[in-house]
Each structure stands twice: as structure tokens, then as C-alpha cells.
N, C-alpha and C. Protein backbone atom coordinates (compact mmCIF):
# COMPACT_ATOMS: atom_id res chain seq x y z
N MET A 1 -118.04 -39.72 15.87
CA MET A 1 -117.91 -39.16 16.86
C MET A 1 -116.52 -37.96 16.99
N THR A 2 -116.88 -36.68 17.68
CA THR A 2 -116.08 -35.84 16.76
C THR A 2 -115.03 -35.96 17.74
N PHE A 3 -113.96 -35.15 17.25
CA PHE A 3 -112.38 -35.30 17.83
C PHE A 3 -112.64 -34.92 19.40
N THR A 4 -113.02 -33.29 19.49
CA THR A 4 -113.43 -32.98 21.35
C THR A 4 -113.64 -34.26 21.82
N ARG A 5 -115.01 -34.85 20.93
CA ARG A 5 -115.68 -35.72 21.92
C ARG A 5 -115.03 -36.72 22.07
N ALA A 6 -113.52 -37.26 21.02
CA ALA A 6 -112.72 -38.81 22.06
C ALA A 6 -111.89 -38.20 22.83
N ILE A 7 -111.73 -36.82 22.82
CA ILE A 7 -110.09 -36.34 23.25
C ILE A 7 -110.77 -35.99 24.81
N GLY A 8 -112.29 -35.54 25.24
CA GLY A 8 -113.08 -35.52 26.47
C GLY A 8 -113.20 -37.40 27.09
N LEU A 9 -113.53 -38.05 26.19
CA LEU A 9 -113.35 -39.58 26.36
C LEU A 9 -112.47 -40.11 27.28
N ALA A 10 -111.23 -40.04 26.23
CA ALA A 10 -109.95 -40.44 26.85
C ALA A 10 -109.55 -39.88 27.63
N THR A 11 -109.61 -38.32 28.13
CA THR A 11 -109.33 -37.93 29.14
C THR A 11 -109.79 -38.42 30.46
N ASN A 12 -111.08 -38.40 30.44
CA ASN A 12 -112.11 -38.68 31.65
C ASN A 12 -111.62 -40.86 32.16
N LYS A 13 -111.24 -41.56 30.99
CA LYS A 13 -110.78 -42.55 31.18
C LYS A 13 -109.08 -42.52 32.14
N LEU A 14 -108.53 -41.95 31.45
CA LEU A 14 -106.95 -40.88 32.09
C LEU A 14 -106.71 -40.51 33.52
N ILE A 15 -108.35 -40.49 34.14
CA ILE A 15 -108.48 -39.77 35.05
C ILE A 15 -109.16 -40.46 35.82
N ARG A 16 -109.89 -41.24 36.02
CA ARG A 16 -110.11 -42.41 36.37
C ARG A 16 -109.25 -43.25 36.56
N LEU A 17 -108.34 -43.83 35.90
CA LEU A 17 -107.25 -44.63 35.80
C LEU A 17 -106.58 -44.03 37.62
N ILE A 18 -106.29 -42.66 37.15
CA ILE A 18 -105.26 -42.42 38.43
C ILE A 18 -106.00 -42.30 39.55
N VAL A 19 -107.12 -41.77 39.22
CA VAL A 19 -108.07 -41.88 40.43
C VAL A 19 -107.73 -43.39 41.24
N HIS A 20 -108.25 -44.17 40.82
CA HIS A 20 -108.18 -45.73 41.19
C HIS A 20 -107.03 -46.05 41.48
N GLY A 21 -105.88 -45.94 40.55
CA GLY A 21 -104.83 -45.99 41.26
C GLY A 21 -103.96 -45.28 42.57
N LEU A 22 -104.62 -43.97 42.64
CA LEU A 22 -104.45 -43.42 44.09
C LEU A 22 -105.10 -43.95 45.44
N ALA A 23 -106.41 -44.39 44.85
CA ALA A 23 -107.42 -44.89 46.31
C ALA A 23 -106.64 -45.88 46.56
N LEU A 24 -106.31 -46.97 45.34
CA LEU A 24 -105.74 -47.83 45.82
C LEU A 24 -104.41 -47.99 46.95
N SER A 25 -103.69 -46.98 46.87
CA SER A 25 -102.44 -46.69 47.04
C SER A 25 -102.76 -45.78 48.90
N ARG A 26 -104.14 -45.63 48.69
CA ARG A 26 -104.40 -45.41 50.40
C ARG A 26 -104.24 -43.91 50.70
N ILE A 27 -103.90 -43.09 49.62
CA ILE A 27 -103.13 -41.64 50.37
C ILE A 27 -104.04 -40.58 50.30
N HIS A 28 -103.80 -40.31 51.55
CA HIS A 28 -105.11 -39.51 52.18
C HIS A 28 -105.28 -37.91 50.78
N PRO A 29 -106.65 -37.39 50.20
CA PRO A 29 -106.38 -36.58 49.78
C PRO A 29 -106.21 -35.07 50.16
N ASN A 30 -106.21 -34.88 51.21
CA ASN A 30 -105.47 -33.60 51.80
C ASN A 30 -104.18 -33.59 51.21
N VAL A 31 -103.70 -34.80 51.38
CA VAL A 31 -101.96 -34.89 51.01
C VAL A 31 -101.89 -34.46 49.27
N LEU A 32 -102.75 -35.11 48.68
CA LEU A 32 -103.15 -34.52 47.54
C LEU A 32 -103.03 -33.01 47.04
N THR A 33 -104.05 -32.01 47.83
CA THR A 33 -104.58 -31.02 47.53
C THR A 33 -102.95 -30.43 47.75
N PHE A 34 -102.69 -30.99 49.02
CA PHE A 34 -101.02 -30.11 49.43
C PHE A 34 -100.03 -30.63 48.09
N ILE A 35 -100.13 -31.26 47.30
CA ILE A 35 -98.89 -31.41 46.88
C ILE A 35 -99.35 -31.02 45.63
N GLY A 36 -100.48 -30.39 45.05
CA GLY A 36 -100.60 -29.51 44.13
C GLY A 36 -100.13 -28.37 44.19
N LEU A 37 -100.24 -27.89 45.60
CA LEU A 37 -99.77 -26.66 46.11
C LEU A 37 -98.28 -26.75 45.97
N VAL A 38 -97.27 -27.66 46.28
CA VAL A 38 -96.01 -27.79 46.29
C VAL A 38 -95.77 -27.30 44.66
N ILE A 39 -95.95 -28.27 43.52
CA ILE A 39 -95.69 -28.09 42.35
C ILE A 39 -96.16 -26.75 41.67
N ASN A 40 -97.38 -26.07 42.33
CA ASN A 40 -97.30 -24.99 41.79
C ASN A 40 -96.40 -24.17 42.08
N GLY A 41 -95.98 -24.31 43.58
CA GLY A 41 -94.53 -23.26 43.59
C GLY A 41 -93.35 -24.19 42.83
N VAL A 42 -93.23 -24.89 42.70
CA VAL A 42 -92.20 -25.12 41.35
C VAL A 42 -92.66 -24.07 40.18
N ALA A 43 -93.60 -24.70 39.68
CA ALA A 43 -94.46 -23.46 38.93
C ALA A 43 -93.78 -22.30 38.91
N ALA A 44 -94.21 -21.79 39.88
CA ALA A 44 -93.74 -20.09 40.33
C ALA A 44 -92.63 -19.51 40.03
N ALA A 45 -91.75 -20.29 40.97
CA ALA A 45 -90.18 -20.69 40.73
C ALA A 45 -89.70 -19.94 38.62
N LEU A 46 -90.61 -21.46 38.00
CA LEU A 46 -90.25 -21.61 36.84
C LEU A 46 -90.53 -20.28 36.14
N LEU A 47 -91.56 -19.59 36.59
CA LEU A 47 -91.86 -18.09 36.12
C LEU A 47 -91.61 -16.99 36.73
N ALA A 48 -90.74 -17.03 37.79
CA ALA A 48 -89.88 -16.30 38.17
C ALA A 48 -88.57 -16.01 37.42
N SER A 49 -88.20 -16.77 36.81
CA SER A 49 -86.66 -17.30 36.20
C SER A 49 -86.94 -16.95 34.21
N GLY A 50 -88.41 -16.47 34.27
CA GLY A 50 -88.92 -16.41 33.10
C GLY A 50 -89.00 -17.62 32.08
N ARG A 51 -88.90 -18.54 32.75
CA ARG A 51 -88.92 -20.31 31.73
C ARG A 51 -90.83 -20.17 31.42
N PHE A 52 -91.24 -19.51 30.77
CA PHE A 52 -92.80 -19.71 30.97
C PHE A 52 -92.99 -21.05 30.29
N LEU A 53 -92.83 -21.99 28.55
CA LEU A 53 -93.06 -23.07 29.01
C LEU A 53 -92.80 -24.30 29.87
N PRO A 54 -92.26 -24.30 30.40
CA PRO A 54 -92.17 -25.46 31.39
C PRO A 54 -92.88 -24.82 32.58
N ALA A 55 -92.81 -23.96 32.94
CA ALA A 55 -93.66 -23.68 34.09
C ALA A 55 -95.30 -23.82 33.34
N GLY A 56 -95.56 -23.56 32.22
CA GLY A 56 -96.64 -24.30 31.78
C GLY A 56 -96.93 -25.34 32.46
N LEU A 57 -96.07 -26.03 32.12
CA LEU A 57 -95.91 -27.94 31.45
C LEU A 57 -96.43 -28.15 33.43
N VAL A 58 -95.54 -27.44 33.90
CA VAL A 58 -95.32 -27.94 35.27
C VAL A 58 -96.95 -27.55 36.08
N MET A 59 -97.40 -26.23 35.51
CA MET A 59 -98.72 -25.83 35.75
C MET A 59 -99.56 -26.98 35.46
N VAL A 60 -99.83 -27.36 34.57
CA VAL A 60 -100.73 -28.52 33.87
C VAL A 60 -100.96 -29.53 34.56
N ALA A 61 -99.36 -30.05 35.53
CA ALA A 61 -99.44 -31.20 36.46
C ALA A 61 -100.28 -30.93 37.56
N ALA A 62 -99.97 -29.36 38.40
CA ALA A 62 -100.75 -29.44 39.16
C ALA A 62 -101.92 -29.45 39.16
N GLY A 63 -102.65 -29.16 38.21
CA GLY A 63 -104.36 -28.46 37.78
C GLY A 63 -104.76 -30.21 37.93
N LEU A 64 -103.73 -31.68 37.27
CA LEU A 64 -103.77 -32.67 37.36
C LEU A 64 -104.38 -32.79 39.06
N PHE A 65 -103.26 -32.87 39.68
CA PHE A 65 -103.78 -32.76 41.33
C PHE A 65 -105.26 -32.10 41.56
N ASP A 66 -105.13 -31.07 41.37
CA ASP A 66 -106.07 -30.00 41.54
C ASP A 66 -107.38 -31.43 41.28
N MET A 67 -108.00 -31.63 40.32
CA MET A 67 -108.97 -32.22 39.72
C MET A 67 -109.05 -33.89 40.20
N VAL A 68 -107.76 -34.32 40.69
CA VAL A 68 -108.14 -35.69 41.15
C VAL A 68 -108.75 -35.82 42.18
N ASP A 69 -107.96 -34.85 43.16
CA ASP A 69 -107.82 -35.27 44.91
C ASP A 69 -109.69 -34.84 45.82
N GLY A 70 -110.75 -34.01 44.67
CA GLY A 70 -112.11 -34.50 45.38
C GLY A 70 -112.40 -35.45 45.26
N ARG A 71 -112.11 -36.61 43.83
CA ARG A 71 -112.53 -37.96 43.52
C ARG A 71 -111.84 -38.69 44.11
N VAL A 72 -110.42 -38.28 44.81
CA VAL A 72 -109.59 -39.62 45.37
C VAL A 72 -110.88 -39.71 46.73
N ALA A 73 -111.17 -38.27 47.51
CA ALA A 73 -112.00 -38.57 48.55
C ALA A 73 -112.83 -39.27 48.14
N ARG A 74 -113.85 -38.35 47.45
CA ARG A 74 -115.44 -39.44 47.00
C ARG A 74 -114.68 -40.87 47.04
N ALA A 75 -113.94 -41.56 46.36
CA ALA A 75 -113.67 -42.72 46.07
C ALA A 75 -113.83 -43.59 47.42
N THR A 76 -112.34 -43.11 47.78
CA THR A 76 -111.79 -43.66 49.34
C THR A 76 -113.04 -43.14 50.82
N ASN A 77 -114.14 -42.47 50.72
CA ASN A 77 -115.12 -42.61 51.65
C ASN A 77 -114.48 -41.61 52.17
N GLN A 78 -113.64 -40.03 52.32
CA GLN A 78 -113.18 -39.66 53.00
C GLN A 78 -113.29 -38.22 52.81
N VAL A 79 -114.64 -37.69 52.45
CA VAL A 79 -115.41 -36.51 52.12
C VAL A 79 -115.42 -36.00 53.38
N THR A 80 -115.03 -34.66 53.72
CA THR A 80 -115.29 -34.15 55.18
C THR A 80 -115.49 -32.86 55.23
N LEU A 81 -115.83 -31.86 55.89
CA LEU A 81 -116.12 -30.61 55.72
C LEU A 81 -114.55 -29.74 55.65
N PHE A 82 -113.69 -30.11 56.49
CA PHE A 82 -112.97 -29.80 56.80
C PHE A 82 -111.81 -30.54 55.60
N GLY A 83 -111.60 -30.75 54.63
CA GLY A 83 -111.14 -31.54 53.83
C GLY A 83 -111.63 -30.26 52.34
N ALA A 84 -112.86 -30.33 52.91
CA ALA A 84 -113.36 -28.41 51.29
C ALA A 84 -112.97 -27.99 51.70
N PHE A 85 -112.91 -27.15 53.10
CA PHE A 85 -112.35 -26.25 53.55
C PHE A 85 -110.92 -26.00 53.59
N PHE A 86 -109.92 -26.97 53.44
CA PHE A 86 -108.45 -27.11 52.90
C PHE A 86 -108.16 -26.83 51.65
N ASP A 87 -109.00 -27.59 50.61
CA ASP A 87 -108.84 -27.68 49.24
C ASP A 87 -109.10 -25.89 49.19
N SER A 88 -110.07 -25.19 49.46
CA SER A 88 -110.73 -23.70 49.26
C SER A 88 -108.79 -22.73 49.62
N VAL A 89 -107.89 -22.83 50.62
CA VAL A 89 -107.67 -23.01 51.46
C VAL A 89 -106.23 -22.64 50.34
N MET A 90 -105.87 -23.93 50.03
CA MET A 90 -104.84 -24.30 49.28
C MET A 90 -104.76 -23.65 47.80
N ASP A 91 -105.82 -23.40 47.70
CA ASP A 91 -106.32 -23.05 45.82
C ASP A 91 -105.75 -21.50 45.80
N ARG A 92 -106.47 -20.70 47.09
CA ARG A 92 -106.43 -19.66 47.25
C ARG A 92 -104.25 -19.41 47.34
N TYR A 93 -103.77 -20.34 48.35
CA TYR A 93 -102.13 -20.14 48.10
C TYR A 93 -101.96 -20.74 46.66
N SER A 94 -102.32 -21.08 46.34
CA SER A 94 -102.03 -21.55 44.75
C SER A 94 -101.91 -20.51 43.83
N ASP A 95 -103.20 -19.57 43.74
CA ASP A 95 -103.26 -18.76 42.70
C ASP A 95 -102.27 -17.46 42.93
N LEU A 96 -102.31 -17.11 44.48
CA LEU A 96 -101.13 -16.48 44.43
C LEU A 96 -100.05 -16.88 44.53
N VAL A 97 -99.30 -17.95 44.49
CA VAL A 97 -97.51 -18.27 44.40
C VAL A 97 -96.95 -18.42 43.08
N LEU A 98 -98.45 -18.60 42.60
CA LEU A 98 -98.12 -18.24 40.77
C LEU A 98 -97.79 -16.64 40.12
N LEU A 99 -98.51 -16.04 40.51
CA LEU A 99 -98.53 -14.36 40.60
C LEU A 99 -97.52 -14.27 41.32
N MET A 100 -97.07 -14.12 42.23
CA MET A 100 -96.24 -13.89 43.06
C MET A 100 -95.14 -14.33 42.14
N GLY A 101 -94.24 -15.79 41.61
CA GLY A 101 -93.35 -15.67 40.90
C GLY A 101 -93.44 -14.75 39.21
N LEU A 102 -94.90 -14.35 38.48
CA LEU A 102 -94.85 -13.23 37.79
C LEU A 102 -94.28 -12.29 38.40
N LEU A 103 -95.06 -11.72 39.50
CA LEU A 103 -94.36 -10.56 39.69
C LEU A 103 -92.69 -10.62 40.24
N VAL A 104 -92.30 -11.46 40.79
CA VAL A 104 -90.51 -11.48 40.89
C VAL A 104 -89.85 -11.59 39.57
N TYR A 105 -90.43 -12.06 38.08
CA TYR A 105 -90.11 -11.81 36.94
C TYR A 105 -90.14 -10.20 36.46
N TYR A 106 -91.57 -9.82 36.56
CA TYR A 106 -91.56 -8.48 36.18
C TYR A 106 -90.75 -7.18 36.71
N ALA A 107 -90.62 -7.65 37.67
CA ALA A 107 -89.52 -7.14 38.76
C ALA A 107 -88.25 -7.11 38.54
N SER A 108 -88.16 -8.30 37.70
CA SER A 108 -86.01 -8.80 38.16
C SER A 108 -86.09 -8.27 36.59
N ILE A 109 -86.87 -7.83 35.45
CA ILE A 109 -86.73 -6.86 34.62
C ILE A 109 -86.58 -5.63 34.26
N ASP A 110 -87.04 -4.95 35.27
CA ASP A 110 -87.66 -3.48 35.37
C ASP A 110 -88.90 -3.24 34.33
N ARG A 111 -89.95 -4.08 35.07
CA ARG A 111 -91.46 -4.00 33.80
C ARG A 111 -92.35 -3.35 34.74
N PHE A 112 -92.03 -1.85 35.68
CA PHE A 112 -92.90 -1.85 36.21
C PHE A 112 -94.77 -1.90 36.64
N PHE A 113 -94.95 -1.62 35.49
CA PHE A 113 -96.26 -1.34 35.17
C PHE A 113 -96.99 -2.66 34.87
N TYR A 114 -96.17 -3.99 34.57
CA TYR A 114 -96.56 -5.13 34.54
C TYR A 114 -96.36 -5.87 35.99
N VAL A 115 -95.64 -5.44 36.64
CA VAL A 115 -95.78 -5.83 37.95
C VAL A 115 -97.34 -4.75 38.71
N VAL A 116 -97.32 -3.88 38.27
CA VAL A 116 -99.03 -3.05 38.99
C VAL A 116 -100.04 -3.95 38.46
N LEU A 117 -100.00 -4.47 37.05
CA LEU A 117 -100.97 -5.72 36.56
C LEU A 117 -100.56 -6.81 37.10
N THR A 118 -99.89 -7.06 37.23
CA THR A 118 -100.20 -8.37 38.18
C THR A 118 -100.59 -8.29 39.76
N ALA A 119 -99.81 -7.31 40.32
CA ALA A 119 -100.94 -6.60 41.12
C ALA A 119 -102.58 -6.55 41.27
N VAL A 120 -102.93 -6.19 39.90
CA VAL A 120 -103.87 -5.85 40.03
C VAL A 120 -104.96 -7.13 40.08
N VAL A 121 -104.33 -7.83 38.80
CA VAL A 121 -104.75 -9.45 38.83
C VAL A 121 -105.16 -10.32 40.61
N MET A 122 -103.77 -9.95 40.82
CA MET A 122 -104.01 -10.73 42.55
C MET A 122 -105.30 -10.27 42.90
N THR A 123 -104.93 -9.41 43.05
CA THR A 123 -106.57 -8.28 44.23
C THR A 123 -107.77 -9.13 43.39
N GLY A 124 -107.70 -8.88 41.94
CA GLY A 124 -108.92 -9.70 41.01
C GLY A 124 -109.55 -10.78 41.81
N SER A 125 -108.48 -11.78 41.90
CA SER A 125 -108.37 -13.12 42.17
C SER A 125 -108.75 -13.22 43.29
N VAL A 126 -108.36 -12.78 44.00
CA VAL A 126 -108.70 -12.69 45.68
C VAL A 126 -110.18 -12.35 45.69
N MET A 127 -110.36 -11.30 45.33
CA MET A 127 -111.61 -10.61 45.56
C MET A 127 -113.11 -11.61 45.32
N VAL A 128 -112.41 -12.16 43.73
CA VAL A 128 -113.82 -13.63 43.01
C VAL A 128 -113.70 -14.24 44.14
N SER A 129 -112.88 -14.82 44.68
CA SER A 129 -113.56 -16.01 45.34
C SER A 129 -113.92 -15.44 47.25
N TYR A 130 -113.34 -14.09 47.11
CA TYR A 130 -114.00 -13.55 49.25
C TYR A 130 -115.37 -13.24 48.25
N THR A 131 -115.61 -12.29 47.50
CA THR A 131 -116.68 -11.88 47.22
C THR A 131 -118.22 -13.68 47.24
N ARG A 132 -117.32 -14.11 46.83
CA ARG A 132 -118.39 -15.38 46.94
C ARG A 132 -118.89 -15.75 48.04
N ALA A 133 -117.66 -16.09 49.01
CA ALA A 133 -117.74 -17.01 50.33
C ALA A 133 -118.36 -15.55 50.96
N ARG A 134 -118.09 -14.33 50.88
CA ARG A 134 -118.97 -13.45 52.10
C ARG A 134 -120.43 -13.68 51.91
N ALA A 135 -120.60 -12.96 50.44
CA ALA A 135 -122.14 -13.28 49.68
C ALA A 135 -123.16 -14.79 50.17
N GLU A 136 -122.32 -15.50 50.47
CA GLU A 136 -122.73 -16.85 50.41
C GLU A 136 -123.07 -17.36 52.44
N CYS A 137 -122.73 -15.84 52.49
CA CYS A 137 -123.09 -16.02 54.48
C CYS A 137 -124.41 -15.06 54.54
N VAL A 138 -124.72 -14.42 53.50
CA VAL A 138 -126.46 -13.87 53.83
C VAL A 138 -127.74 -14.66 53.13
N ILE A 139 -127.15 -14.99 51.69
CA ILE A 139 -127.57 -16.02 50.75
C ILE A 139 -127.17 -16.85 50.21
N PRO A 140 -128.05 -17.90 49.86
CA PRO A 140 -127.86 -19.00 49.47
C PRO A 140 -126.84 -19.36 48.61
N LYS A 141 -126.81 -18.65 47.66
CA LYS A 141 -125.60 -18.91 46.09
C LYS A 141 -125.00 -17.86 45.67
N CYS A 142 -123.80 -17.91 45.49
CA CYS A 142 -123.35 -16.52 44.70
C CYS A 142 -122.19 -16.86 43.48
N LYS A 143 -122.94 -17.26 42.43
CA LYS A 143 -122.43 -17.63 41.34
C LYS A 143 -121.94 -17.07 39.96
N ALA A 144 -122.12 -15.74 39.93
CA ALA A 144 -122.25 -14.62 39.30
C ALA A 144 -121.22 -14.74 38.77
N GLY A 145 -120.83 -14.00 37.32
CA GLY A 145 -119.83 -13.67 36.60
C GLY A 145 -119.23 -14.57 36.50
N PHE A 146 -118.32 -14.96 35.76
CA PHE A 146 -117.55 -15.63 34.90
C PHE A 146 -116.37 -16.00 35.84
N MET A 147 -115.07 -15.34 35.67
CA MET A 147 -113.71 -15.40 35.54
C MET A 147 -113.68 -16.15 37.48
N GLU A 148 -113.86 -17.08 37.46
CA GLU A 148 -113.75 -17.91 38.72
C GLU A 148 -112.33 -19.09 38.28
N ARG A 149 -111.82 -19.49 39.40
CA ARG A 149 -110.83 -20.09 39.36
C ARG A 149 -110.00 -20.80 38.23
N PRO A 150 -111.08 -22.07 37.73
CA PRO A 150 -110.67 -23.09 37.02
C PRO A 150 -110.38 -21.65 35.46
N GLU A 151 -111.30 -20.94 34.89
CA GLU A 151 -111.41 -20.09 34.19
C GLU A 151 -109.60 -19.53 34.12
N ARG A 152 -109.31 -18.78 35.20
CA ARG A 152 -108.40 -18.09 35.71
C ARG A 152 -106.94 -19.15 35.58
N MET A 153 -107.15 -20.48 35.60
CA MET A 153 -105.95 -21.31 35.60
C MET A 153 -105.82 -21.98 33.81
N VAL A 154 -107.00 -22.19 33.20
CA VAL A 154 -107.15 -22.03 31.69
C VAL A 154 -105.92 -20.89 31.10
N LEU A 155 -106.48 -19.88 31.60
CA LEU A 155 -105.55 -18.87 30.84
C LEU A 155 -104.28 -18.83 30.99
N LEU A 156 -103.67 -19.10 32.20
CA LEU A 156 -102.22 -18.67 33.04
C LEU A 156 -101.63 -19.69 31.79
N ILE A 157 -102.73 -21.23 31.70
CA ILE A 157 -101.63 -21.98 31.47
C ILE A 157 -101.17 -21.89 29.90
N LEU A 158 -102.15 -21.37 29.13
CA LEU A 158 -102.35 -20.71 28.18
C LEU A 158 -100.98 -19.45 27.99
N GLY A 159 -101.50 -18.47 28.44
CA GLY A 159 -100.28 -17.51 28.94
C GLY A 159 -98.81 -18.48 28.95
N ALA A 160 -98.40 -18.95 29.78
CA ALA A 160 -97.21 -19.97 29.86
C ALA A 160 -97.12 -20.59 28.71
N LEU A 161 -97.86 -21.39 28.64
CA LEU A 161 -97.65 -22.29 27.19
C LEU A 161 -97.00 -21.69 25.75
N PHE A 162 -97.71 -20.74 25.20
CA PHE A 162 -97.46 -19.63 23.89
C PHE A 162 -97.00 -18.56 24.29
N ASN A 163 -96.39 -18.00 25.73
CA ASN A 163 -95.72 -17.17 25.36
C ASN A 163 -96.46 -16.02 25.38
N ARG A 164 -97.67 -15.54 25.76
CA ARG A 164 -98.71 -14.57 25.98
C ARG A 164 -98.81 -13.99 27.37
N MET A 165 -98.30 -14.17 28.31
CA MET A 165 -98.64 -13.74 29.34
C MET A 165 -99.40 -12.26 29.62
N ALA A 166 -98.69 -11.68 28.77
CA ALA A 166 -99.26 -10.00 29.40
C ALA A 166 -100.31 -9.50 28.41
N PRO A 167 -101.49 -10.54 27.12
CA PRO A 167 -102.23 -9.77 27.21
C PRO A 167 -103.55 -10.78 28.22
N VAL A 168 -102.80 -12.29 28.47
CA VAL A 168 -103.65 -12.85 29.82
C VAL A 168 -103.81 -12.07 31.09
N LEU A 169 -102.40 -11.22 31.28
CA LEU A 169 -103.31 -10.54 32.60
C LEU A 169 -104.14 -9.36 32.45
N TRP A 170 -103.74 -9.15 31.05
CA TRP A 170 -104.86 -8.18 31.08
C TRP A 170 -106.12 -8.97 30.89
N VAL A 171 -106.86 -9.77 30.19
CA VAL A 171 -107.97 -10.30 30.03
C VAL A 171 -108.31 -10.59 31.09
N ILE A 172 -107.24 -10.97 32.93
CA ILE A 172 -107.71 -12.09 33.85
C ILE A 172 -108.43 -10.13 35.02
N ALA A 173 -107.33 -9.14 34.59
CA ALA A 173 -107.61 -7.99 35.43
C ALA A 173 -108.78 -7.41 35.20
N VAL A 174 -109.32 -7.43 34.23
CA VAL A 174 -110.45 -6.30 33.59
C VAL A 174 -111.57 -7.61 33.99
N ILE A 175 -112.20 -8.83 33.38
CA ILE A 175 -113.15 -9.59 34.05
C ILE A 175 -113.17 -9.73 35.35
N ALA A 176 -111.47 -10.74 35.62
CA ALA A 176 -111.84 -10.73 36.86
C ALA A 176 -112.78 -9.44 38.11
N ASN A 177 -111.90 -8.65 37.92
CA ASN A 177 -112.50 -7.42 38.68
C ASN A 177 -114.29 -6.89 38.49
N ILE A 178 -114.45 -6.97 37.00
CA ILE A 178 -115.92 -7.08 36.72
C ILE A 178 -116.25 -8.27 37.19
N THR A 179 -116.32 -9.20 37.48
CA THR A 179 -117.27 -10.52 38.27
C THR A 179 -117.52 -10.12 39.69
N VAL A 180 -116.27 -9.57 40.33
CA VAL A 180 -116.63 -8.63 41.30
C VAL A 180 -117.57 -7.45 41.69
N VAL A 181 -117.59 -7.43 40.42
CA VAL A 181 -118.87 -6.17 40.63
C VAL A 181 -119.78 -6.61 40.43
N HIS A 182 -119.92 -7.71 39.28
CA HIS A 182 -120.89 -8.21 39.18
C HIS A 182 -122.17 -9.22 40.65
N ARG A 183 -120.93 -9.39 41.04
CA ARG A 183 -121.54 -10.56 42.45
C ARG A 183 -121.92 -9.14 43.18
N MET A 184 -121.22 -7.77 43.85
CA MET A 184 -121.58 -6.93 44.59
C MET A 184 -123.15 -7.12 43.82
N ILE A 185 -123.35 -6.58 42.46
CA ILE A 185 -124.72 -5.72 42.50
C ILE A 185 -125.51 -7.43 42.88
N TYR A 186 -125.00 -8.82 41.85
CA TYR A 186 -126.41 -9.60 42.25
C TYR A 186 -126.65 -9.77 43.81
N THR A 187 -125.57 -9.48 44.93
CA THR A 187 -125.77 -9.81 45.96
C THR A 187 -126.61 -9.05 46.61
N TRP A 188 -126.88 -7.87 45.89
CA TRP A 188 -127.23 -6.41 46.60
C TRP A 188 -128.76 -6.38 46.36
N GLN A 189 -129.01 -6.97 44.92
CA GLN A 189 -130.72 -7.54 44.54
C GLN A 189 -131.01 -8.61 45.44
N GLN A 190 -130.12 -9.69 45.50
CA GLN A 190 -131.09 -10.63 46.42
C GLN A 190 -131.16 -10.44 48.05
N THR A 191 -130.60 -9.32 48.58
CA THR A 191 -130.34 -9.38 49.79
C THR A 191 -131.87 -8.10 50.38
N ARG A 192 -131.90 -7.45 49.06
CA ARG A 192 -132.75 -6.65 49.47
C ARG A 192 -134.16 -6.23 49.34
N GLN A 193 -134.30 -8.03 48.63
CA GLN A 193 -135.91 -8.69 47.78
C GLN A 193 -135.66 -9.75 49.41
N LEU A 194 -134.68 -10.36 50.15
CA LEU A 194 -135.00 -10.58 51.64
C LEU A 194 -135.37 -9.81 52.47
N ASP A 195 -134.45 -8.77 52.74
CA ASP A 195 -135.33 -6.96 53.69
C ASP A 195 -136.55 -6.81 53.08
N GLU A 196 -136.71 -7.10 52.15
CA GLU A 196 -137.90 -6.53 51.92
C GLU A 196 -139.05 -7.67 52.36
N ALA A 197 -138.85 -8.64 51.88
CA ALA A 197 -139.39 -9.58 52.59
C ALA A 197 -140.01 -10.07 54.23
N GLN A 198 -138.84 -9.51 54.68
CA GLN A 198 -138.82 -9.38 56.16
C GLN A 198 -139.55 -8.53 56.88
N LEU A 199 -139.65 -7.40 56.07
CA LEU A 199 -140.64 -6.40 56.63
C LEU A 199 -141.64 -5.76 56.22
N ARG A 200 -141.88 -6.87 54.97
CA ARG A 200 -143.91 -6.72 54.78
C ARG A 200 -144.42 -7.36 55.37
N PRO A 201 -145.27 -7.05 55.93
CA PRO A 201 -145.80 -7.19 57.38
C PRO A 201 -147.11 -8.82 56.69
N ALA A 202 -147.30 -9.66 58.32
CA ALA A 202 -147.37 -11.12 57.62
C ALA A 202 -149.18 -10.71 57.50
N PRO A 203 -149.63 -11.25 56.30
CA PRO A 203 -150.99 -11.21 55.91
C PRO A 203 -152.08 -11.75 57.53
N ALA A 204 -152.91 -11.55 57.45
CA ALA A 204 -153.59 -11.19 58.78
C ALA A 204 -154.41 -12.49 58.47
N GLU A 205 -154.72 -13.14 59.62
CA GLU A 205 -155.70 -14.55 59.46
C GLU A 205 -156.88 -14.10 59.30
N LYS A 206 -157.69 -14.86 59.04
CA LYS A 206 -158.87 -15.06 58.32
C LYS A 206 -159.75 -15.35 59.78
N PRO A 207 -160.94 -14.76 60.18
CA PRO A 207 -161.57 -15.10 61.06
C PRO A 207 -162.50 -16.74 61.05
N GLN A 208 -161.71 -17.85 61.96
CA GLN A 208 -162.70 -19.18 61.78
C GLN A 208 -164.31 -18.80 61.60
N ALA A 209 -165.25 -19.62 60.73
CA ALA A 209 -166.31 -19.47 60.90
C ALA A 209 -166.69 -21.06 61.90
N ARG A 210 -168.14 -20.11 62.49
CA ARG A 210 -167.97 -20.83 63.42
C ARG A 210 -169.83 -21.53 63.82
């Protein structure tokens, strides 16, 4: 067994134990989702004060809640359409509150360029989610591109833990907006095929033999 495989198995076992304990406590999955947002709010306050290492550790804890809320919902048979909607909304708030913390930090140390860069990251992060949601109103699926929320969160955590937030912001700013363009092109291709299929005349029916 490889080292990474052993870590994966241990992590999965830990998550299953946490899910089992939370299921027994009968806490509602939506409460877990909201707690994750509150914890990210604490991380944002730490980022705003420039305390990146503890902020990264708190973000890891918030990520744990983000991983288990859906599993608890399935384990307790509380999966609902509103739960999926609520989870998505809280995820957007969590993304933005962390980046707002960075905005406050860079503004407090008078780094105007990084204020703008963080704003570009905020825009790209929102648009990655928006383009998928809007595209899936007209086509079945739109998961083109790379920089979705899990990738962004991992990068932000690494940037905080290793005090490399500036290069992380550059990576997210560039790839997130490339992902938006990729999804626009993909949706254009898919909708063009649908439009052409609708405009194509239906095949004439063959006369039945008598």
C-alpha cells in the first residue's frame, strides 16, 4: 500500500466516523452547512488581520463541514432540493467572505494592486459558478474547465498555510476566468447544435404500402 493510499483510507475512515456521530446527534444538515459559513467567517477575520497560518487551519476545519453536510443528509435520509440550493448559496457566501478578508488585509497595508487582483479573483469565482448555473438552464451539463470551488479552496488553504497567497491569487485569477471563457465557448457549441437540430426539417414519412 502506498503512502498516499494509506492517507486516503485513514481520511475516509475519519470522515465516516464524523458523519456517523453527527447522524446520531440528529443535527440538521443545513445547520452543518451554516456552521461551515460561520467558520469561514472566522477564517476571513484572521486573513483580514494578516494571520494567514491560523486562517489556513480554520479553513481546513470549515472544509470538513463542507464535506460532511451532504453525507449526513444522505445518512439521515434528509436529502432535499432546498438543501442542495441552500448548500450552493452558502458556498458562494463562504467564497466571497474569505476573499473579502483578503481585500481588507491588502487595503490595510496599502497594496492597491493586490486589492484589484483579489477583486478579479472574486469576479472569476462568482462567474465560474454563474456560467455553469446559467448554462444548465439551456443544456444538460456544463462542467467544462478546471477552476471550480474545490480547486479554489485548496489553493487558498495552501496559500494561507505556506504564506504564498499572492501567487495563489494570480493562479486563481487567470485560470478561473479562463474557465469562464471555456464554459461560454462550450455552451455556444452545445446550443448551436440544439438550434440546428430544431431548424432541421423532419424527415418525410414514407407512404405505407397497400
